[in-house]
Amino acid sequence: MPIKGDFMAMDFAPEIKPDMGLDMPESYKSGRDDKNSCVCKNNKAVKTFIVALVVIVVLLAVGYYVDRYTSVSLFGNQKSAGSALMSYNKDSYYAVFFSNGQVYFGKITSTDSNYTTLEDIYYLQVSNPLQQVPPPGGTQQQQLSLVKLGNELHGPKDFMQVNNAHVIFVEELKSDSKVVEAITAYKSGATNQPAQ
């Protein structure tokens, strides 16, 4: 039994086996080594090919999901994430409803996956009548007027490029709608303001 502090040594020398006379001829050994090295080289090539194939498949799958579910376009398609682009009639007026509650009326001249361009733009303005006291038994009615973009204090041009992320929906206006009739009357010079 070893005592604390004493170490036992073990011999790990390789055991030499006696020659049994079963050596193979040298020509067979060298041919066999060449075949094994060829098989190993082929196995390495197959493994490298499989690894490269797996990497390519994984990269394509990641690219597909990035292209499909984000606004990044990897494969050259011009679509918005999750929705297809619409085509608009350039001669029609549209009502464009924004996430902040504003509504603009105008012609959509171009659109892409990020922005929509409006021209010939109008918007609704709410105003209260000058009479401050409502009539007895009634409520004071607010007046709506259609205002042409460009008449504001800061003097914007009649052009607006809007971020599609803030557009809730778009409606095409009929040619006989009150808004289109008011715009037509304003353009023909029948009124100073588009509508009252």
Protein backbone atom coordinates (compact mmCIF):
# COMPACT_ATOMS: atom_id res chain seq x y z
CA MET A 1 0.00 0.00 0.00
CA PRO A 2 1.46 3.36 -0.98
CA ILE A 3 2.23 5.80 1.73
CA LYS A 4 1.20 9.37 1.47
CA GLY A 5 3.77 11.23 -0.52
CA ASP A 6 5.08 8.13 -2.32
CA PHE A 7 4.41 7.77 -6.00
CA MET A 8 4.08 4.64 -8.02
CA ALA A 9 5.52 4.58 -11.51
CA MET A 10 3.82 2.75 -14.33
CA ASP A 11 5.55 1.58 -17.45
CA PHE A 12 3.81 2.69 -20.66
CA ALA A 13 6.41 1.42 -23.12
CA PRO A 14 4.90 -0.17 -26.23
CA GLU A 15 4.80 -3.91 -26.18
CA ILE A 16 6.79 -5.52 -28.96
CA LYS A 17 5.00 -8.50 -30.39
CA PRO A 18 6.96 -11.39 -31.75
CA ASP A 19 7.06 -11.74 -35.55
CA MET A 20 4.60 -14.41 -36.56
CA GLY A 21 5.81 -14.58 -40.16
CA LEU A 22 2.60 -13.13 -41.54
CA ASP A 23 4.11 -10.14 -43.29
CA MET A 24 2.49 -9.04 -46.51
CA PRO A 25 4.54 -8.52 -49.64
CA GLU A 26 5.83 -4.97 -50.14
CA SER A 27 4.02 -4.57 -53.49
CA TYR A 28 0.70 -5.30 -51.83
CA LYS A 29 1.43 -2.92 -48.93
CA SER A 30 2.37 -0.03 -51.21
CA GLY A 31 -0.67 -0.59 -53.45
CA ARG A 32 -2.94 -0.76 -50.43
CA ASP A 33 -1.54 2.50 -49.02
CA ASP A 34 -2.18 4.25 -52.35
CA LYS A 35 -5.76 2.99 -52.42
CA ASN A 36 -6.35 4.12 -48.83
CA SER A 37 -4.89 7.57 -49.52
CA CYS A 38 -7.11 7.87 -52.60
CA VAL A 39 -10.16 6.91 -50.56
CA CYS A 40 -9.16 9.42 -47.89
CA LYS A 41 -8.69 12.15 -50.49
CA ASN A 42 -12.09 11.34 -52.00
CA ASN A 43 -13.68 11.37 -48.54
CA LYS A 44 -12.15 14.79 -47.85
CA ALA A 45 -13.46 16.13 -51.18
CA VAL A 46 -16.95 14.75 -50.49
CA LYS A 47 -16.95 16.22 -46.97
CA THR A 48 -15.80 19.61 -48.30
CA PHE A 49 -18.51 19.55 -50.96
CA ILE A 50 -21.21 18.66 -48.42
CA VAL A 51 -20.08 21.42 -46.03
CA ALA A 52 -20.05 23.96 -48.88
CA LEU A 53 -23.51 22.84 -50.00
CA VAL A 54 -24.92 23.14 -46.46
CA VAL A 55 -23.42 26.64 -46.09
CA ILE A 56 -24.95 27.75 -49.42
CA VAL A 57 -28.39 26.38 -48.47
CA VAL A 58 -28.28 28.12 -45.08
CA LEU A 59 -27.24 31.43 -46.68
CA LEU A 60 -30.03 31.21 -49.26
CA ALA A 61 -32.59 30.43 -46.54
CA VAL A 62 -31.46 33.39 -44.43
CA GLY A 63 -31.49 35.63 -47.52
CA TYR A 64 -35.01 34.49 -48.39
CA TYR A 65 -36.34 35.34 -44.91
CA VAL A 66 -34.56 38.71 -44.86
CA ASP A 67 -35.96 39.54 -48.31
CA ARG A 68 -39.47 38.34 -47.48
CA TYR A 69 -39.98 39.73 -43.98
CA THR A 70 -37.96 42.96 -43.96
CA SER A 71 -37.75 45.99 -46.20
CA VAL A 72 -34.30 44.87 -47.43
CA SER A 73 -34.51 43.64 -51.01
CA LEU A 74 -31.76 41.06 -51.64
CA PHE A 75 -33.11 39.48 -54.80
CA GLY A 76 -34.04 42.61 -56.75
CA ASN A 77 -37.80 42.56 -56.35
CA GLN A 78 -39.43 45.94 -55.69
CA LYS A 79 -42.03 45.13 -53.07
CA SER A 80 -42.93 46.50 -49.72
CA ALA A 81 -42.61 44.09 -46.83
CA GLY A 82 -45.81 42.08 -46.68
CA SER A 83 -47.69 43.95 -49.40
CA ALA A 84 -47.67 44.37 -53.15
CA LEU A 85 -47.33 47.74 -54.85
CA MET A 86 -50.47 49.16 -56.37
CA SER A 87 -50.79 51.06 -59.60
CA TYR A 88 -52.75 54.30 -59.54
CA ASN A 89 -54.60 56.20 -62.23
CA LYS A 90 -52.65 59.47 -62.61
CA ASP A 91 -55.81 61.33 -63.71
CA SER A 92 -57.87 60.41 -60.63
CA TYR A 93 -57.98 62.07 -57.23
CA TYR A 94 -57.31 59.96 -54.14
CA ALA A 95 -57.97 60.38 -50.43
CA VAL A 96 -54.85 59.37 -48.50
CA PHE A 97 -55.44 58.62 -44.80
CA PHE A 98 -52.46 58.93 -42.46
CA SER A 99 -51.74 57.33 -39.09
CA ASN A 100 -51.85 60.76 -37.38
CA GLY A 101 -55.49 61.31 -38.43
CA GLN A 102 -54.82 63.68 -41.34
CA VAL A 103 -56.39 63.16 -44.75
CA TYR A 104 -55.00 64.64 -47.95
CA PHE A 105 -56.72 64.66 -51.33
CA GLY A 106 -54.62 64.69 -54.46
CA LYS A 107 -53.24 62.85 -57.46
CA ILE A 108 -50.79 60.04 -56.85
CA THR A 109 -48.05 60.51 -59.44
CA SER A 110 -45.62 57.80 -58.34
CA THR A 111 -45.10 55.15 -55.72
CA ASP A 112 -42.41 52.68 -54.69
CA SER A 113 -41.82 50.40 -51.72
CA ASN A 114 -40.99 53.32 -49.39
CA TYR A 115 -42.68 56.50 -50.65
CA THR A 116 -45.79 57.72 -52.43
CA THR A 117 -45.78 61.07 -54.24
CA LEU A 118 -48.88 63.30 -54.19
CA GLU A 119 -49.46 66.37 -56.35
CA ASP A 120 -52.36 68.83 -56.73
CA ILE A 121 -53.02 68.44 -53.00
CA TYR A 122 -55.96 69.60 -50.87
CA TYR A 123 -56.92 68.99 -47.24
CA LEU A 124 -59.88 69.62 -44.95
CA GLN A 125 -59.81 72.47 -42.44
CA VAL A 126 -62.32 72.67 -39.58
CA SER A 127 -63.43 76.12 -38.46
CA ASN A 128 -65.98 77.33 -35.94
CA PRO A 129 -68.44 80.08 -36.87
CA LEU A 130 -67.82 83.53 -35.43
CA GLN A 131 -70.86 83.29 -33.16
CA GLN A 132 -69.46 82.08 -29.84
CA VAL A 133 -72.76 81.26 -28.14
CA PRO A 134 -74.61 78.27 -29.54
CA PRO A 135 -78.30 78.82 -30.34
CA PRO A 136 -80.70 77.76 -27.56
CA GLY A 137 -81.46 74.05 -27.67
CA GLY A 138 -78.93 73.44 -30.43
CA THR A 139 -75.29 72.77 -30.89
CA GLN A 140 -72.84 74.91 -32.70
CA GLN A 141 -71.89 73.33 -36.00
CA GLN A 142 -68.35 73.30 -37.26
CA GLN A 143 -67.68 74.28 -40.83
CA LEU A 144 -65.45 72.25 -43.11
CA SER A 145 -63.50 73.86 -45.88
CA LEU A 146 -61.21 72.33 -48.46
CA VAL A 147 -57.85 74.10 -48.57
CA LYS A 148 -55.30 74.00 -51.40
CA LEU A 149 -51.82 73.04 -50.24
CA GLY A 150 -49.39 75.89 -50.84
CA ASN A 151 -51.40 78.74 -49.31
CA GLU A 152 -49.97 78.17 -45.81
CA LEU A 153 -47.64 80.60 -44.02
CA HIS A 154 -44.53 78.53 -44.77
CA GLY A 155 -45.46 78.34 -48.49
CA PRO A 156 -44.92 74.69 -49.39
CA LYS A 157 -44.88 73.56 -53.02
CA ASP A 158 -47.86 71.59 -54.28
CA PHE A 159 -45.92 68.35 -53.97
CA MET A 160 -45.68 65.84 -51.14
CA GLN A 161 -43.62 62.70 -50.78
CA VAL A 162 -45.07 60.59 -47.97
CA ASN A 163 -43.61 57.64 -46.11
CA ASN A 164 -45.72 54.54 -46.84
CA ALA A 165 -45.26 53.38 -43.24
CA HIS A 166 -47.59 56.24 -42.16
CA VAL A 167 -50.30 55.62 -44.75
CA ILE A 168 -53.25 53.66 -43.35
CA PHE A 169 -55.21 53.37 -46.58
CA VAL A 170 -55.91 55.07 -49.90
CA GLU A 171 -59.27 55.55 -51.61
CA GLU A 172 -59.89 56.56 -55.20
CA LEU A 173 -62.48 59.36 -55.39
CA LYS A 174 -65.38 59.23 -57.86
CA SER A 175 -65.54 62.07 -60.35
CA ASP A 176 -68.91 63.17 -58.94
CA SER A 177 -67.79 63.24 -55.28
CA LYS A 178 -68.22 66.51 -53.36
CA VAL A 179 -64.46 66.83 -52.94
CA VAL A 180 -63.70 66.38 -56.65
CA GLU A 181 -66.52 68.78 -57.57
CA ALA A 182 -65.10 71.39 -55.16
CA ILE A 183 -61.59 70.93 -56.60
CA THR A 184 -62.94 71.29 -60.16
CA ALA A 185 -64.85 74.45 -59.21
CA TYR A 186 -61.72 75.92 -57.55
CA LYS A 187 -59.56 75.17 -60.60
CA SER A 188 -62.08 76.72 -62.97
CA GLY A 189 -61.98 79.93 -60.92
CA ALA A 190 -65.56 79.69 -59.67
CA THR A 191 -64.41 80.15 -56.04
CA ASN A 192 -61.39 81.53 -54.23
CA GLN A 193 -61.35 78.57 -51.85
CA PRO A 194 -61.96 75.01 -53.01
CA ALA A 195 -65.07 74.29 -50.88
CA GLN A 196 -67.06 75.60 -47.95
